[in-house]
Amino acid sequence: CGFSSLSYFSTVFRKECGLSPGEYASKVKG
């Protein structure tokens, strides 16, 4: 997937999007 670890992905995702992958998924689903 291009990321060495899920924790690293979460850190980068939070920095880029301002929220965690889980929060983003919840927001997308409504």
N, C-alpha and C. Protein backbone atom coordinates (compact mmCIF):
# COMPACT_ATOMS: atom_id res chain seq x y z
N CYS A 1 0.83 -1.19 0.00
CA CYS A 1 0.00 0.00 0.00
C CYS A 1 0.87 1.25 0.00
N GLY A 2 2.17 1.09 0.19
CA GLY A 2 3.08 2.22 0.13
C GLY A 2 3.41 2.81 1.50
N PHE A 3 2.73 2.34 2.55
CA PHE A 3 3.02 2.81 3.90
C PHE A 3 3.64 1.67 4.72
N SER A 4 4.71 2.00 5.43
CA SER A 4 5.42 0.98 6.19
C SER A 4 4.60 0.47 7.36
N SER A 5 3.74 1.33 7.90
CA SER A 5 2.92 0.91 9.03
C SER A 5 1.64 1.71 9.09
N LEU A 6 0.63 1.14 9.71
CA LEU A 6 -0.67 1.80 9.81
C LEU A 6 -0.58 3.04 10.70
N SER A 7 0.25 2.97 11.74
CA SER A 7 0.40 4.11 12.65
C SER A 7 1.02 5.29 11.92
N TYR A 8 1.99 5.01 11.04
CA TYR A 8 2.61 6.07 10.25
C TYR A 8 1.60 6.69 9.30
N PHE A 9 0.80 5.87 8.65
CA PHE A 9 -0.26 6.34 7.76
C PHE A 9 -1.23 7.23 8.52
N SER A 10 -1.62 6.79 9.70
CA SER A 10 -2.56 7.57 10.52
C SER A 10 -1.98 8.93 10.87
N THR A 11 -0.69 8.96 11.20
CA THR A 11 -0.02 10.22 11.55
C THR A 11 -0.03 11.18 10.37
N VAL A 12 0.34 10.68 9.20
CA VAL A 12 0.38 11.51 7.99
C VAL A 12 -1.02 11.95 7.60
N PHE A 13 -1.96 11.03 7.68
CA PHE A 13 -3.35 11.33 7.32
C PHE A 13 -3.91 12.43 8.20
N ARG A 14 -3.66 12.32 9.51
CA ARG A 14 -4.15 13.32 10.46
C ARG A 14 -3.52 14.68 10.17
N LYS A 15 -2.23 14.69 9.82
CA LYS A 15 -1.54 15.94 9.54
C LYS A 15 -2.09 16.60 8.28
N GLU A 16 -2.41 15.78 7.29
CA GLU A 16 -2.90 16.30 6.01
C GLU A 16 -4.37 16.71 6.08
N CYS A 17 -5.17 15.90 6.75
CA CYS A 17 -6.63 16.09 6.72
C CYS A 17 -7.18 16.75 7.97
N GLY A 18 -6.40 16.78 9.05
CA GLY A 18 -6.84 17.41 10.28
C GLY A 18 -7.72 16.51 11.13
N LEU A 19 -7.86 15.24 10.74
CA LEU A 19 -8.64 14.28 11.52
C LEU A 19 -8.14 12.88 11.22
N SER A 20 -8.47 11.94 12.10
CA SER A 20 -7.97 10.58 11.96
C SER A 20 -8.71 9.85 10.84
N PRO A 21 -8.09 8.80 10.26
CA PRO A 21 -8.76 8.00 9.22
C PRO A 21 -10.14 7.52 9.66
N GLY A 22 -10.27 7.12 10.92
CA GLY A 22 -11.56 6.65 11.44
C GLY A 22 -12.60 7.75 11.45
N GLU A 23 -12.19 8.94 11.89
CA GLU A 23 -13.11 10.08 11.91
C GLU A 23 -13.50 10.46 10.48
N TYR A 24 -12.54 10.40 9.57
CA TYR A 24 -12.81 10.72 8.17
C TYR A 24 -13.82 9.73 7.58
N ALA A 25 -13.63 8.45 7.87
CA ALA A 25 -14.54 7.43 7.36
C ALA A 25 -15.95 7.65 7.88
N SER A 26 -16.06 7.98 9.16
CA SER A 26 -17.38 8.25 9.75
C SER A 26 -18.04 9.44 9.08
N LYS A 27 -17.23 10.46 8.79
CA LYS A 27 -17.75 11.68 8.17
C LYS A 27 -18.25 11.39 6.75
N VAL A 28 -17.49 10.56 6.03
CA VAL A 28 -17.87 10.21 4.65
C VAL A 28 -19.16 9.39 4.63
N LYS A 29 -19.28 8.45 5.57
CA LYS A 29 -20.47 7.60 5.64
C LYS A 29 -21.69 8.38 6.11
N GLY A 30 -21.44 9.45 6.84
CA GLY A 30 -22.55 10.24 7.36
C GLY A 30 -22.95 9.74 8.73
